[in-house]
Amino acid sequence: MEEKLSKQSGPQKDSLLKAIKTLSAEMSHDLACIASETNAPEAAFYHFSAFNTAMLEFAGGKSQKKDKRLAVSWNELGVAHMMLEHWRLAEDCFIRSMDALKELDDFKKVDLSFPIINLAFSYWLQERLDEADKTLAEILAIREAAYGINDRESFM
């Protein structure tokens, strides 16, 4: 396969390389999710870092207008940092996730739910209870405006 790929050139080779990189990024994401769910912080960090690096490469320094994966990668990397108790790095990732979400063409404030909830959870774990409460109240108000009080549908 490798020899065949090295002999190819042009759009077909570029398309194949992009498909391989995309598949590799998705595998990193899936392995990181498994590590996160099984409480393997180092593995989660390793694989979410690889996923984030791939998403940054795909973005090429450009604002993402339609693709949420960069925002997802920042949020997930923040979760991995929290698992390792890297609080400030986690907070930075959640903020980057929110910034990336705000750049999407179809952005709605409610889209910020996951990184804001994770940011508030980080505050709570650090015993920064006032910040956690304020942050959770902010996203709760946004979610209630979008879905009503006691929403039982949007996270299902």
C-alpha atoms as a PDB file:
ATOM      1  CA  MET A   1       0.000   0.000   0.000  1.00  0.00           C
ATOM      2  CA  GLU A   2       2.765   2.396   0.963  1.00  0.00           C
ATOM      3  CA  GLU A   3       4.619   1.825  -2.315  1.00  0.00           C
ATOM      4  CA  LYS A   4       1.433   2.331  -4.318  1.00  0.00           C
ATOM      5  CA  LEU A   5       0.690   5.587  -2.439  1.00  0.00           C
ATOM      6  CA  SER A   6       4.203   6.932  -2.998  1.00  0.00           C
ATOM      7  CA  LYS A   7       3.814   6.432  -6.772  1.00  0.00           C
ATOM      8  CA  GLN A   8       0.545   8.379  -6.866  1.00  0.00           C
ATOM      9  CA  SER A   9       0.374  12.114  -7.214  1.00  0.00           C
ATOM     10  CA  GLY A  10      -2.152  14.876  -7.588  1.00  0.00           C
ATOM     11  CA  PRO A  11      -5.742  15.092  -6.319  1.00  0.00           C
ATOM     12  CA  GLN A  12      -6.180  11.340  -5.831  1.00  0.00           C
ATOM     13  CA  LYS A  13      -3.167  11.123  -3.499  1.00  0.00           C
ATOM     14  CA  ASP A  14      -4.280  14.279  -1.639  1.00  0.00           C
ATOM     15  CA  SER A  15      -7.760  12.853  -1.211  1.00  0.00           C
ATOM     16  CA  LEU A  16      -6.421   9.554   0.099  1.00  0.00           C
ATOM     17  CA  LEU A  17      -4.069  11.284   2.543  1.00  0.00           C
ATOM     18  CA  LYS A  18      -6.907  13.457   3.830  1.00  0.00           C
ATOM     19  CA  ALA A  19      -9.094  10.379   4.329  1.00  0.00           C
ATOM     20  CA  ILE A  20      -6.306   8.640   6.267  1.00  0.00           C
ATOM     21  CA  LYS A  21      -5.727  11.708   8.457  1.00  0.00           C
ATOM     22  CA  THR A  22      -9.460  12.022   9.093  1.00  0.00           C
ATOM     23  CA  LEU A  23      -9.748   8.360  10.051  1.00  0.00           C
ATOM     24  CA  SER A  24      -6.699   8.653  12.306  1.00  0.00           C
ATOM     25  CA  ALA A  25      -8.211  11.706  14.037  1.00  0.00           C
ATOM     26  CA  GLU A  26     -11.509   9.897  14.580  1.00  0.00           C
ATOM     27  CA  MET A  27      -9.662   6.900  16.018  1.00  0.00           C
ATOM     28  CA  SER A  28      -7.794   9.219  18.408  1.00  0.00           C
ATOM     29  CA  HIS A  29     -11.113  10.735  19.484  1.00  0.00           C
ATOM     30  CA  ASP A  30     -12.707   7.326  20.046  1.00  0.00           C
ATOM     31  CA  LEU A  31      -9.718   5.987  21.990  1.00  0.00           C
ATOM     32  CA  ALA A  32      -9.696   9.141  24.114  1.00  0.00           C
ATOM     33  CA  CYS A  33     -13.403   8.775  24.891  1.00  0.00           C
ATOM     34  CA  ILE A  34     -12.820   5.170  25.966  1.00  0.00           C
ATOM     35  CA  ALA A  35      -9.901   6.244  28.149  1.00  0.00           C
ATOM     36  CA  SER A  36     -11.968   9.026  29.658  1.00  0.00           C
ATOM     37  CA  GLU A  37     -14.885   6.706  30.429  1.00  0.00           C
ATOM     38  CA  THR A  38     -12.574   4.098  31.973  1.00  0.00           C
ATOM     39  CA  ASN A  39     -10.709   6.659  34.090  1.00  0.00           C
ATOM     40  CA  ALA A  40      -7.372   6.441  32.304  1.00  0.00           C
ATOM     41  CA  PRO A  41      -6.294  10.100  32.442  1.00  0.00           C
ATOM     42  CA  GLU A  42      -2.899   9.786  30.753  1.00  0.00           C
ATOM     43  CA  ALA A  43      -4.348   7.845  27.815  1.00  0.00           C
ATOM     44  CA  ALA A  44      -7.262  10.288  27.550  1.00  0.00           C
ATOM     45  CA  PHE A  45      -4.829  13.197  27.477  1.00  0.00           C
ATOM     46  CA  TYR A  46      -2.602  11.521  24.879  1.00  0.00           C
ATOM     47  CA  HIS A  47      -5.453  10.728  22.491  1.00  0.00           C
ATOM     48  CA  PHE A  48      -7.406  13.976  22.998  1.00  0.00           C
ATOM     49  CA  SER A  49      -4.153  15.868  22.359  1.00  0.00           C
ATOM     50  CA  ALA A  50      -3.705  13.965  19.093  1.00  0.00           C
ATOM     51  CA  PHE A  51      -7.322  14.696  18.136  1.00  0.00           C
ATOM     52  CA  ASN A  52      -6.909  18.404  18.921  1.00  0.00           C
ATOM     53  CA  THR A  53      -3.658  18.572  16.947  1.00  0.00           C
ATOM     54  CA  ALA A  54      -5.385  17.002  13.938  1.00  0.00           C
ATOM     55  CA  MET A  55      -8.321  19.420  14.189  1.00  0.00           C
ATOM     56  CA  LEU A  56      -5.921  22.376  14.378  1.00  0.00           C
ATOM     57  CA  GLU A  57      -4.140  21.049  11.290  1.00  0.00           C
ATOM     58  CA  PHE A  58      -7.429  20.626   9.412  1.00  0.00           C
ATOM     59  CA  ALA A  59      -8.447  24.182  10.369  1.00  0.00           C
ATOM     60  CA  GLY A  60      -5.157  25.524   9.041  1.00  0.00           C
ATOM     61  CA  GLY A  61      -5.367  28.618  11.230  1.00  0.00           C
ATOM     62  CA  LYS A  62      -8.677  29.623   9.666  1.00  0.00           C
ATOM     63  CA  SER A  63     -11.957  30.286  11.425  1.00  0.00           C
ATOM     64  CA  GLN A  64     -14.241  27.270  11.203  1.00  0.00           C
ATOM     65  CA  LYS A  65     -17.647  28.332   9.936  1.00  0.00           C
ATOM     66  CA  LYS A  66     -19.338  24.942   9.554  1.00  0.00           C
ATOM     67  CA  ASP A  67     -17.181  22.303  11.266  1.00  0.00           C
ATOM     68  CA  LYS A  68     -17.671  21.911  15.043  1.00  0.00           C
ATOM     69  CA  ARG A  69     -14.863  19.412  15.450  1.00  0.00           C
ATOM     70  CA  LEU A  70     -12.244  22.002  16.441  1.00  0.00           C
ATOM     71  CA  ALA A  71     -14.530  23.268  19.207  1.00  0.00           C
ATOM     72  CA  VAL A  72     -15.219  19.690  20.304  1.00  0.00           C
ATOM     73  CA  SER A  73     -11.500  18.936  20.369  1.00  0.00           C
ATOM     74  CA  TRP A  74     -10.783  21.897  22.664  1.00  0.00           C
ATOM     75  CA  ASN A  75     -13.596  20.872  25.018  1.00  0.00           C
ATOM     76  CA  GLU A  76     -12.429  17.260  25.150  1.00  0.00           C
ATOM     77  CA  LEU A  77      -8.805  18.272  25.687  1.00  0.00           C
ATOM     78  CA  GLY A  78     -10.038  20.407  28.588  1.00  0.00           C
ATOM     79  CA  VAL A  79     -11.716  17.335  30.088  1.00  0.00           C
ATOM     80  CA  ALA A  80      -8.429  15.439  29.827  1.00  0.00           C
ATOM     81  CA  HIS A  81      -6.590  18.290  31.568  1.00  0.00           C
ATOM     82  CA  MET A  82      -9.192  18.237  34.337  1.00  0.00           C
ATOM     83  CA  MET A  83      -8.658  14.500  34.796  1.00  0.00           C
ATOM     84  CA  LEU A  84      -4.985  15.320  35.388  1.00  0.00           C
ATOM     85  CA  GLU A  85      -5.904  18.276  37.653  1.00  0.00           C
ATOM     86  CA  HIS A  86      -4.343  20.779  35.251  1.00  0.00           C
ATOM     87  CA  TRP A  87      -7.001  23.331  36.142  1.00  0.00           C
ATOM     88  CA  ARG A  88      -5.730  26.417  34.322  1.00  0.00           C
ATOM     89  CA  LEU A  89      -4.965  24.469  31.155  1.00  0.00           C
ATOM     90  CA  ALA A  90      -8.449  22.944  31.295  1.00  0.00           C
ATOM     91  CA  GLU A  91     -10.029  26.385  31.674  1.00  0.00           C
ATOM     92  CA  ASP A  92      -8.068  27.677  28.691  1.00  0.00           C
ATOM     93  CA  CYS A  93      -9.292  24.752  26.572  1.00  0.00           C
ATOM     94  CA  PHE A  94     -12.929  25.345  27.537  1.00  0.00           C
ATOM     95  CA  ILE A  95     -12.602  29.030  26.638  1.00  0.00           C
ATOM     96  CA  ARG A  96     -10.998  28.109  23.300  1.00  0.00           C
ATOM     97  CA  SER A  97     -13.880  25.713  22.681  1.00  0.00           C
ATOM     98  CA  MET A  98     -16.385  28.495  23.329  1.00  0.00           C
ATOM     99  CA  ASP A  99     -14.474  30.873  21.049  1.00  0.00           C
ATOM    100  CA  ALA A 100     -14.463  28.272  18.260  1.00  0.00           C
ATOM    101  CA  LEU A 101     -18.201  27.662  18.683  1.00  0.00           C
ATOM    102  CA  LYS A 102     -18.918  31.384  18.425  1.00  0.00           C
ATOM    103  CA  GLU A 103     -17.252  31.441  14.990  1.00  0.00           C
ATOM    104  CA  LEU A 104     -19.719  28.933  13.503  1.00  0.00           C
ATOM    105  CA  ASP A 105     -22.218  30.261  10.977  1.00  0.00           C
ATOM    106  CA  ASP A 106     -25.131  28.642  12.810  1.00  0.00           C
ATOM    107  CA  PHE A 107     -23.953  29.546  16.347  1.00  0.00           C
ATOM    108  CA  LYS A 108     -26.548  29.763  19.111  1.00  0.00           C
ATOM    109  CA  LYS A 109     -25.681  30.603  22.732  1.00  0.00           C
ATOM    110  CA  VAL A 110     -27.038  27.228  23.829  1.00  0.00           C
ATOM    111  CA  ASP A 111     -24.228  25.596  21.808  1.00  0.00           C
ATOM    112  CA  LEU A 112     -21.885  26.692  24.604  1.00  0.00           C
ATOM    113  CA  SER A 113     -23.482  24.215  27.032  1.00  0.00           C
ATOM    114  CA  PHE A 114     -20.764  21.570  27.190  1.00  0.00           C
ATOM    115  CA  PRO A 115     -17.701  23.815  27.565  1.00  0.00           C
ATOM    116  CA  ILE A 116     -19.503  26.125  30.014  1.00  0.00           C
ATOM    117  CA  ILE A 117     -20.714  23.221  32.151  1.00  0.00           C
ATOM    118  CA  ASN A 118     -17.212  21.728  32.110  1.00  0.00           C
ATOM    119  CA  LEU A 119     -15.706  25.097  33.030  1.00  0.00           C
ATOM    120  CA  ALA A 120     -18.114  25.389  35.954  1.00  0.00           C
ATOM    121  CA  PHE A 121     -17.287  21.835  37.036  1.00  0.00           C
ATOM    122  CA  SER A 122     -13.601  22.771  36.985  1.00  0.00           C
ATOM    123  CA  TYR A 123     -14.336  25.756  39.234  1.00  0.00           C
ATOM    124  CA  TRP A 124     -16.311  23.516  41.580  1.00  0.00           C
ATOM    125  CA  LEU A 125     -13.480  20.953  41.821  1.00  0.00           C
ATOM    126  CA  GLN A 126     -11.118  23.798  42.729  1.00  0.00           C
ATOM    127  CA  GLU A 127     -13.572  24.970  45.419  1.00  0.00           C
ATOM    128  CA  ARG A 128     -14.195  28.197  43.493  1.00  0.00           C
ATOM    129  CA  LEU A 129     -17.848  27.828  44.358  1.00  0.00           C
ATOM    130  CA  ASP A 130     -19.043  31.354  43.603  1.00  0.00           C
ATOM    131  CA  GLU A 131     -17.576  31.184  40.086  1.00  0.00           C
ATOM    132  CA  ALA A 132     -19.073  27.722  39.573  1.00  0.00           C
ATOM    133  CA  ASP A 133     -22.508  28.902  40.705  1.00  0.00           C
ATOM    134  CA  LYS A 134     -22.422  32.024  38.531  1.00  0.00           C
ATOM    135  CA  THR A 135     -21.240  30.063  35.482  1.00  0.00           C
ATOM    136  CA  LEU A 136     -23.878  27.355  35.892  1.00  0.00           C
ATOM    137  CA  ALA A 137     -26.620  29.943  36.436  1.00  0.00           C
ATOM    138  CA  GLU A 138     -25.556  31.660  33.198  1.00  0.00           C
ATOM    139  CA  ILE A 139     -25.847  28.521  31.064  1.00  0.00           C
ATOM    140  CA  LEU A 140     -29.032  27.430  32.845  1.00  0.00           C
ATOM    141  CA  ALA A 141     -30.676  30.731  31.891  1.00  0.00           C
ATOM    142  CA  ILE A 142     -29.549  30.290  28.284  1.00  0.00           C
ATOM    143  CA  ARG A 143     -30.816  26.697  28.180  1.00  0.00           C
ATOM    144  CA  GLU A 144     -34.145  27.620  29.777  1.00  0.00           C
ATOM    145  CA  ALA A 145     -34.632  30.383  27.205  1.00  0.00           C
ATOM    146  CA  ALA A 146     -33.952  27.892  24.412  1.00  0.00           C
ATOM    147  CA  TYR A 147     -35.700  24.771  25.738  1.00  0.00           C
ATOM    148  CA  GLY A 148     -37.940  25.847  28.609  1.00  0.00           C
ATOM    149  CA  ILE A 149     -37.733  25.094  32.313  1.00  0.00           C
ATOM    150  CA  ASN A 150     -36.886  21.520  33.336  1.00  0.00           C
ATOM    151  CA  ASP A 151     -35.937  20.518  29.783  1.00  0.00           C
ATOM    152  CA  ARG A 152     -36.126  16.751  29.375  1.00  0.00           C
ATOM    153  CA  GLU A 153     -35.302  16.529  25.654  1.00  0.00           C
ATOM    154  CA  SER A 154     -32.128  18.346  24.599  1.00  0.00           C
ATOM    155  CA  PHE A 155     -29.543  16.109  26.306  1.00  0.00           C
ATOM    156  CA  MET A 156     -31.312  12.850  25.491  1.00  0.00           C
END
